[in-house]
Structures are given as C-alpha cells and as structure tokens.
Amino acid sequence: MSKFRSPLSVAKGMGSAKEGTHHFWMQRVTAVALVPLILWFCLSLAMMPEATYATVVAWMKSPFNSVMLILCIFASFWHLAMGLQVIQEDYISDNNIRMVSILVMKLLCFFFAALGVFSVIKIAVGG
C-alpha cells in the first residue's frame, strides 16, 4: 500500500485511472487545432461577396472547403465532448448518474458530429 493513499481509497479501489494526462493533452490539441480552423472558417465566410444560399452551397462544393469543414466539425465536437465530460465528472457526485450522463452526452456529440459531416457531404456531392 502506498503511503499517499488513504485506507478508504484502497478499500474502495478508487485509485487513478491513468487517463487524466491523455485527456488533458487531447483537450489542448483539439483547442490548438480549432484556432486555425475557426479562423479559416470566419475569414472564408467574411470574404464571400454575398451570403446567399447559392453562394454558400457553391463555396461548400469546393473539395478543400468541404474537407476543412469536416475537420472543423470533428475537432469541435471532440473538444466539446471532452470539456463536458470534465464538467460532469466534477459536478455530478452520484457515480451511476455521472456515467449515464457522460454516455448520453458522448452519444449526442457523436450523433451531431455525424449529422454535420453528412450534411457537408450531401451538399458537396450535390444532393
């Protein structure tokens, strides 16, 4: 038994899950990735001559713009899911409710990311 762990934590078996550092770094990586993606997105939309539906659809049909939008969607929802998980882990004390809420939140983030990617592909292909 480590001298830094209390007998209660040893009895409950609630030691470190060894996932905190990876989670921390992945949040930072997605945050850094989102900076140029969001800047590109904002500048691309700002440089459009007019923001009509036809102009935006034509802009999205460009392969480069479509891929960049898909990357932006992936990074945004991944970053969102990790941030919300940290909030839920910090503020929901009941273990069962916390696990269910994290599962539901991750499934919703996955669903909306898939919906966004599907929408971009559908517009880019010409649906």
N, C-alpha and C. Protein backbone atom coordinates (compact mmCIF):
# COMPACT_ATOMS: atom_id res chain seq x y z
N MET A 1 0.84 -1.18 0.00
CA MET A 1 0.00 0.00 0.00
C MET A 1 0.88 1.24 0.00
N SER A 2 0.56 2.20 -0.84
CA SER A 2 1.31 3.44 -0.92
C SER A 2 1.03 4.29 0.30
N LYS A 3 2.03 5.02 0.73
CA LYS A 3 1.84 5.86 1.90
C LYS A 3 1.01 7.10 1.58
N PHE A 4 0.74 7.36 0.30
CA PHE A 4 -0.03 8.54 -0.09
C PHE A 4 -1.52 8.25 -0.23
N ARG A 5 -1.92 7.00 -0.22
CA ARG A 5 -3.33 6.64 -0.36
C ARG A 5 -3.92 6.32 0.99
N SER A 6 -5.13 6.80 1.21
CA SER A 6 -5.80 6.52 2.48
C SER A 6 -6.32 5.08 2.47
N PRO A 7 -6.52 4.50 3.64
CA PRO A 7 -7.08 3.15 3.70
C PRO A 7 -8.47 3.06 3.04
N LEU A 8 -9.25 4.14 3.11
CA LEU A 8 -10.57 4.14 2.48
C LEU A 8 -10.46 4.04 0.97
N SER A 9 -9.53 4.79 0.37
CA SER A 9 -9.39 4.73 -1.09
C SER A 9 -8.86 3.37 -1.53
N VAL A 10 -8.03 2.74 -0.71
CA VAL A 10 -7.54 1.40 -1.02
C VAL A 10 -8.69 0.41 -0.95
N ALA A 11 -9.54 0.54 0.07
CA ALA A 11 -10.68 -0.38 0.23
C ALA A 11 -11.69 -0.23 -0.90
N LYS A 12 -11.93 1.00 -1.34
CA LYS A 12 -12.90 1.23 -2.42
C LYS A 12 -12.30 0.92 -3.78
N GLY A 13 -10.97 0.88 -3.86
CA GLY A 13 -10.33 0.61 -5.14
C GLY A 13 -10.48 1.76 -6.11
N MET A 14 -10.54 2.97 -5.60
CA MET A 14 -10.77 4.14 -6.45
C MET A 14 -9.49 4.94 -6.62
N GLY A 15 -8.49 4.31 -7.18
CA GLY A 15 -7.24 5.00 -7.45
C GLY A 15 -7.31 5.72 -8.79
N SER A 16 -6.19 6.15 -9.24
CA SER A 16 -6.11 6.86 -10.51
C SER A 16 -6.44 5.92 -11.67
N ALA A 17 -7.16 6.45 -12.65
CA ALA A 17 -7.49 5.66 -13.83
C ALA A 17 -6.42 5.77 -14.89
N LYS A 18 -5.40 6.58 -14.64
CA LYS A 18 -4.28 6.78 -15.57
C LYS A 18 -4.73 7.36 -16.91
N GLU A 19 -5.80 8.12 -16.92
CA GLU A 19 -6.32 8.70 -18.15
C GLU A 19 -6.27 10.23 -18.13
N GLY A 20 -5.98 10.82 -16.99
CA GLY A 20 -6.06 12.27 -16.85
C GLY A 20 -5.11 13.04 -17.75
N THR A 21 -3.87 12.59 -17.85
CA THR A 21 -2.89 13.31 -18.66
C THR A 21 -3.25 13.25 -20.14
N HIS A 22 -3.67 12.09 -20.60
CA HIS A 22 -4.07 11.95 -22.00
C HIS A 22 -5.27 12.86 -22.31
N HIS A 23 -6.24 12.86 -21.42
CA HIS A 23 -7.44 13.69 -21.60
C HIS A 23 -7.03 15.17 -21.64
N PHE A 24 -6.16 15.58 -20.72
CA PHE A 24 -5.68 16.96 -20.66
C PHE A 24 -5.02 17.36 -21.98
N TRP A 25 -4.12 16.52 -22.48
CA TRP A 25 -3.41 16.86 -23.69
C TRP A 25 -4.31 16.83 -24.92
N MET A 26 -5.27 15.92 -24.98
CA MET A 26 -6.17 15.88 -26.13
C MET A 26 -7.07 17.12 -26.15
N GLN A 27 -7.45 17.63 -24.98
CA GLN A 27 -8.21 18.87 -24.95
C GLN A 27 -7.38 20.01 -25.51
N ARG A 28 -6.11 20.05 -25.16
CA ARG A 28 -5.23 21.13 -25.65
C ARG A 28 -4.97 20.99 -27.14
N VAL A 29 -4.79 19.76 -27.60
CA VAL A 29 -4.53 19.53 -29.03
C VAL A 29 -5.74 19.97 -29.86
N THR A 30 -6.94 19.59 -29.42
CA THR A 30 -8.13 20.00 -30.18
C THR A 30 -8.33 21.51 -30.11
N ALA A 31 -7.99 22.13 -28.99
CA ALA A 31 -8.11 23.58 -28.88
C ALA A 31 -7.16 24.28 -29.85
N VAL A 32 -5.92 23.78 -29.92
CA VAL A 32 -4.94 24.36 -30.85
C VAL A 32 -5.37 24.12 -32.30
N ALA A 33 -5.92 22.94 -32.58
CA ALA A 33 -6.38 22.64 -33.94
C ALA A 33 -7.56 23.52 -34.33
N LEU A 34 -8.39 23.86 -33.36
CA LEU A 34 -9.56 24.67 -33.68
C LEU A 34 -9.22 26.12 -33.98
N VAL A 35 -8.11 26.62 -33.49
CA VAL A 35 -7.75 28.03 -33.74
C VAL A 35 -7.62 28.31 -35.23
N PRO A 36 -6.77 27.60 -35.99
CA PRO A 36 -6.70 27.90 -37.42
C PRO A 36 -7.97 27.50 -38.18
N LEU A 37 -8.64 26.45 -37.73
CA LEU A 37 -9.87 26.03 -38.42
C LEU A 37 -10.96 27.09 -38.29
N ILE A 38 -11.15 27.62 -37.10
CA ILE A 38 -12.18 28.64 -36.90
C ILE A 38 -11.79 29.94 -37.60
N LEU A 39 -10.49 30.29 -37.55
CA LEU A 39 -10.04 31.49 -38.28
C LEU A 39 -10.29 31.33 -39.78
N TRP A 40 -9.95 30.15 -40.34
CA TRP A 40 -10.21 29.90 -41.75
C TRP A 40 -11.70 30.03 -42.06
N PHE A 41 -12.54 29.42 -41.21
CA PHE A 41 -13.98 29.45 -41.43
C PHE A 41 -14.51 30.88 -41.42
N CYS A 42 -14.13 31.65 -40.42
CA CYS A 42 -14.63 33.02 -40.31
C CYS A 42 -14.13 33.89 -41.47
N LEU A 43 -12.86 33.77 -41.81
CA LEU A 43 -12.33 34.56 -42.92
C LEU A 43 -12.94 34.15 -44.26
N SER A 44 -13.17 32.85 -44.44
CA SER A 44 -13.77 32.38 -45.69
C SER A 44 -15.18 32.93 -45.86
N LEU A 45 -15.94 32.92 -44.79
CA LEU A 45 -17.30 33.46 -44.88
C LEU A 45 -17.29 34.97 -45.02
N ALA A 46 -16.35 35.63 -44.37
CA ALA A 46 -16.27 37.10 -44.46
C ALA A 46 -15.86 37.55 -45.85
N MET A 47 -15.10 36.73 -46.57
CA MET A 47 -14.63 37.12 -47.90
C MET A 47 -15.62 36.78 -49.01
N MET A 48 -16.75 36.17 -48.66
CA MET A 48 -17.77 35.90 -49.67
C MET A 48 -18.40 37.22 -50.13
N PRO A 49 -18.65 37.35 -51.44
CA PRO A 49 -19.24 38.60 -51.92
C PRO A 49 -20.65 38.82 -51.34
N GLU A 50 -21.40 37.77 -51.24
CA GLU A 50 -22.73 37.83 -50.64
C GLU A 50 -23.03 36.47 -50.04
N ALA A 51 -23.81 36.45 -48.99
CA ALA A 51 -24.06 35.20 -48.28
C ALA A 51 -25.42 34.62 -48.64
N THR A 52 -25.66 34.48 -49.93
CA THR A 52 -26.90 33.85 -50.35
C THR A 52 -26.74 32.33 -50.26
N TYR A 53 -27.85 31.64 -50.33
CA TYR A 53 -27.82 30.18 -50.26
C TYR A 53 -26.98 29.60 -51.39
N ALA A 54 -27.16 30.11 -52.59
CA ALA A 54 -26.42 29.59 -53.74
C ALA A 54 -24.92 29.82 -53.60
N THR A 55 -24.53 30.97 -53.07
CA THR A 55 -23.11 31.26 -52.89
C THR A 55 -22.48 30.33 -51.86
N VAL A 56 -23.18 30.11 -50.76
CA VAL A 56 -22.64 29.24 -49.71
C VAL A 56 -22.57 27.79 -50.21
N VAL A 57 -23.57 27.35 -50.95
CA VAL A 57 -23.54 25.98 -51.50
C VAL A 57 -22.39 25.84 -52.48
N ALA A 58 -22.18 26.84 -53.33
CA ALA A 58 -21.07 26.79 -54.28
C ALA A 58 -19.73 26.77 -53.53
N TRP A 59 -19.64 27.52 -52.45
CA TRP A 59 -18.43 27.55 -51.63
C TRP A 59 -18.19 26.18 -51.00
N MET A 60 -19.27 25.53 -50.52
CA MET A 60 -19.14 24.22 -49.87
C MET A 60 -18.83 23.11 -50.86
N LYS A 61 -19.11 23.31 -52.13
CA LYS A 61 -18.82 22.28 -53.14
C LYS A 61 -17.33 22.17 -53.44
N SER A 62 -16.56 23.14 -53.03
CA SER A 62 -15.11 23.07 -53.21
C SER A 62 -14.56 21.96 -52.32
N PRO A 63 -13.75 21.05 -52.86
CA PRO A 63 -13.22 19.95 -52.04
C PRO A 63 -12.42 20.43 -50.83
N PHE A 64 -11.63 21.47 -51.01
CA PHE A 64 -10.85 22.00 -49.90
C PHE A 64 -11.75 22.51 -48.78
N ASN A 65 -12.77 23.29 -49.14
CA ASN A 65 -13.68 23.83 -48.14
C ASN A 65 -14.47 22.72 -47.44
N SER A 66 -14.88 21.71 -48.19
CA SER A 66 -15.63 20.60 -47.59
C SER A 66 -14.78 19.84 -46.58
N VAL A 67 -13.54 19.55 -46.94
CA VAL A 67 -12.66 18.83 -46.03
C VAL A 67 -12.36 19.67 -44.79
N MET A 68 -12.14 20.95 -44.99
CA MET A 68 -11.87 21.82 -43.84
C MET A 68 -13.09 21.92 -42.92
N LEU A 69 -14.28 21.97 -43.49
CA LEU A 69 -15.49 21.99 -42.67
C LEU A 69 -15.65 20.69 -41.88
N ILE A 70 -15.37 19.57 -42.51
CA ILE A 70 -15.47 18.28 -41.82
C ILE A 70 -14.45 18.22 -40.68
N LEU A 71 -13.22 18.68 -40.92
CA LEU A 71 -12.22 18.72 -39.85
C LEU A 71 -12.67 19.63 -38.71
N CYS A 72 -13.26 20.75 -39.05
CA CYS A 72 -13.76 21.68 -38.04
C CYS A 72 -14.88 21.04 -37.21
N ILE A 73 -15.76 20.32 -37.86
CA ILE A 73 -16.85 19.64 -37.15
C ILE A 73 -16.29 18.58 -36.21
N PHE A 74 -15.37 17.74 -36.71
CA PHE A 74 -14.78 16.69 -35.86
C PHE A 74 -14.09 17.29 -34.64
N ALA A 75 -13.22 18.28 -34.89
CA ALA A 75 -12.46 18.87 -33.78
C ALA A 75 -13.38 19.57 -32.79
N SER A 76 -14.42 20.24 -33.27
CA SER A 76 -15.33 20.96 -32.38
C SER A 76 -16.10 20.01 -31.48
N PHE A 77 -16.66 18.96 -32.05
CA PHE A 77 -17.45 18.05 -31.23
C PHE A 77 -16.59 17.19 -30.32
N TRP A 78 -15.38 16.87 -30.73
CA TRP A 78 -14.47 16.13 -29.87
C TRP A 78 -14.08 16.99 -28.67
N HIS A 79 -13.75 18.26 -28.95
CA HIS A 79 -13.38 19.19 -27.89
C HIS A 79 -14.57 19.43 -26.95
N LEU A 80 -15.76 19.56 -27.53
CA LEU A 80 -16.97 19.74 -26.73
C LEU A 80 -17.20 18.55 -25.81
N ALA A 81 -17.08 17.34 -26.34
CA ALA A 81 -17.33 16.14 -25.54
C ALA A 81 -16.33 16.03 -24.38
N MET A 82 -15.07 16.34 -24.64
CA MET A 82 -14.08 16.26 -23.57
C MET A 82 -14.32 17.32 -22.51
N GLY A 83 -14.67 18.52 -22.92
CA GLY A 83 -14.93 19.58 -21.95
C GLY A 83 -16.17 19.29 -21.11
N LEU A 84 -17.23 18.81 -21.74
CA LEU A 84 -18.44 18.47 -20.99
C LEU A 84 -18.20 17.29 -20.05
N GLN A 85 -17.36 16.36 -20.46
CA GLN A 85 -17.05 15.23 -19.59
C GLN A 85 -16.37 15.70 -18.31
N VAL A 86 -15.45 16.63 -18.43
CA VAL A 86 -14.77 17.16 -17.25
C VAL A 86 -15.76 17.85 -16.32
N ILE A 87 -16.67 18.63 -16.89
CA ILE A 87 -17.68 19.30 -16.08
C ILE A 87 -18.57 18.28 -15.37
N GLN A 88 -18.99 17.25 -16.07
CA GLN A 88 -19.84 16.23 -15.46
C GLN A 88 -19.09 15.47 -14.37
N GLU A 89 -17.83 15.15 -14.62
CA GLU A 89 -17.05 14.45 -13.60
C GLU A 89 -16.86 15.30 -12.35
N ASP A 90 -16.76 16.61 -12.52
CA ASP A 90 -16.54 17.49 -11.38
C ASP A 90 -17.80 17.76 -10.58
N TYR A 91 -18.95 17.83 -11.22
CA TYR A 91 -20.15 18.32 -10.55
C TYR A 91 -21.25 17.29 -10.31
N ILE A 92 -21.15 16.10 -10.85
CA ILE A 92 -22.16 15.07 -10.58
C ILE A 92 -21.56 14.08 -9.60
N SER A 93 -22.11 14.04 -8.39
CA SER A 93 -21.49 13.22 -7.35
C SER A 93 -21.90 11.75 -7.41
N ASP A 94 -23.11 11.47 -7.84
CA ASP A 94 -23.56 10.08 -7.90
C ASP A 94 -22.89 9.38 -9.09
N ASN A 95 -22.20 8.27 -8.82
CA ASN A 95 -21.41 7.60 -9.85
C ASN A 95 -22.28 7.07 -11.00
N ASN A 96 -23.43 6.49 -10.69
CA ASN A 96 -24.29 5.94 -11.74
C ASN A 96 -24.87 7.03 -12.63
N ILE A 97 -25.35 8.11 -12.02
CA ILE A 97 -25.89 9.23 -12.80
C ILE A 97 -24.79 9.84 -13.65
N ARG A 98 -23.58 9.97 -13.08
CA ARG A 98 -22.46 10.55 -13.83
C ARG A 98 -22.12 9.70 -15.05
N MET A 99 -22.05 8.39 -14.89
CA MET A 99 -21.71 7.51 -16.02
C MET A 99 -22.78 7.56 -17.10
N VAL A 100 -24.05 7.56 -16.70
CA VAL A 100 -25.14 7.62 -17.68
C VAL A 100 -25.13 8.97 -18.40
N SER A 101 -24.91 10.05 -17.67
CA SER A 101 -24.92 11.37 -18.31
C SER A 101 -23.74 11.54 -19.26
N ILE A 102 -22.59 11.00 -18.90
CA ILE A 102 -21.43 11.07 -19.80
C ILE A 102 -21.69 10.24 -21.06
N LEU A 103 -22.28 9.06 -20.89
CA LEU A 103 -22.61 8.22 -22.04
C LEU A 103 -23.60 8.91 -22.96
N VAL A 104 -24.66 9.47 -22.41
CA VAL A 104 -25.67 10.17 -23.22
C VAL A 104 -25.06 11.36 -23.93
N MET A 105 -24.24 12.14 -23.20
CA MET A 105 -23.60 13.31 -23.80
C MET A 105 -22.68 12.91 -24.95
N LYS A 106 -21.89 11.85 -24.76
CA LYS A 106 -20.98 11.41 -25.83
C LYS A 106 -21.74 10.89 -27.05
N LEU A 107 -22.83 10.17 -26.81
CA LEU A 107 -23.65 9.71 -27.93
C LEU A 107 -24.28 10.87 -28.68
N LEU A 108 -24.74 11.89 -27.95
CA LEU A 108 -25.31 13.07 -28.61
C LEU A 108 -24.25 13.82 -29.41
N CYS A 109 -23.06 13.97 -28.85
CA CYS A 109 -21.97 14.64 -29.58
C CYS A 109 -21.62 13.85 -30.84
N PHE A 110 -21.55 12.53 -30.73
CA PHE A 110 -21.26 11.70 -31.90
C PHE A 110 -22.36 11.84 -32.95
N PHE A 111 -23.63 11.83 -32.50
CA PHE A 111 -24.75 11.95 -33.42
C PHE A 111 -24.70 13.28 -34.17
N PHE A 112 -24.50 14.39 -33.44
CA PHE A 112 -24.50 15.70 -34.09
C PHE A 112 -23.26 15.90 -34.97
N ALA A 113 -22.13 15.31 -34.61
CA ALA A 113 -20.96 15.37 -35.47
C ALA A 113 -21.22 14.60 -36.77
N ALA A 114 -21.82 13.41 -36.65
CA ALA A 114 -22.15 12.62 -37.84
C ALA A 114 -23.17 13.35 -38.70
N LEU A 115 -24.14 13.99 -38.07
CA LEU A 115 -25.13 14.77 -38.81
C LEU A 115 -24.48 15.93 -39.56
N GLY A 116 -23.55 16.61 -38.93
CA GLY A 116 -22.84 17.70 -39.58
C GLY A 116 -22.01 17.23 -40.76
N VAL A 117 -21.28 16.13 -40.57
CA VAL A 117 -20.45 15.59 -41.65
C VAL A 117 -21.34 15.12 -42.80
N PHE A 118 -22.43 14.45 -42.48
CA PHE A 118 -23.36 14.01 -43.51
C PHE A 118 -23.91 15.20 -44.30
N SER A 119 -24.24 16.27 -43.61
CA SER A 119 -24.78 17.45 -44.27
C SER A 119 -23.76 18.08 -45.22
N VAL A 120 -22.51 18.17 -44.76
CA VAL A 120 -21.46 18.74 -45.62
C VAL A 120 -21.27 17.86 -46.85
N ILE A 121 -21.21 16.55 -46.65
CA ILE A 121 -21.00 15.64 -47.79
C ILE A 121 -22.18 15.72 -48.75
N LYS A 122 -23.40 15.77 -48.22
CA LYS A 122 -24.57 15.84 -49.08
C LYS A 122 -24.58 17.10 -49.92
N ILE A 123 -24.21 18.22 -49.33
CA ILE A 123 -24.17 19.47 -50.09
C ILE A 123 -23.00 19.45 -51.07
N ALA A 124 -21.84 18.93 -50.64
CA ALA A 124 -20.66 18.93 -51.50
C ALA A 124 -20.84 18.04 -52.72
N VAL A 125 -21.54 16.91 -52.54
CA VAL A 125 -21.74 15.99 -53.65
C VAL A 125 -22.85 16.50 -54.57
N GLY A 126 -23.75 17.29 -54.01
CA GLY A 126 -24.78 17.88 -54.86
C GLY A 126 -26.17 17.36 -54.60
N GLY A 127 -26.44 16.95 -53.37
CA GLY A 127 -27.74 16.39 -53.05
C GLY A 127 -28.83 17.38 -52.82
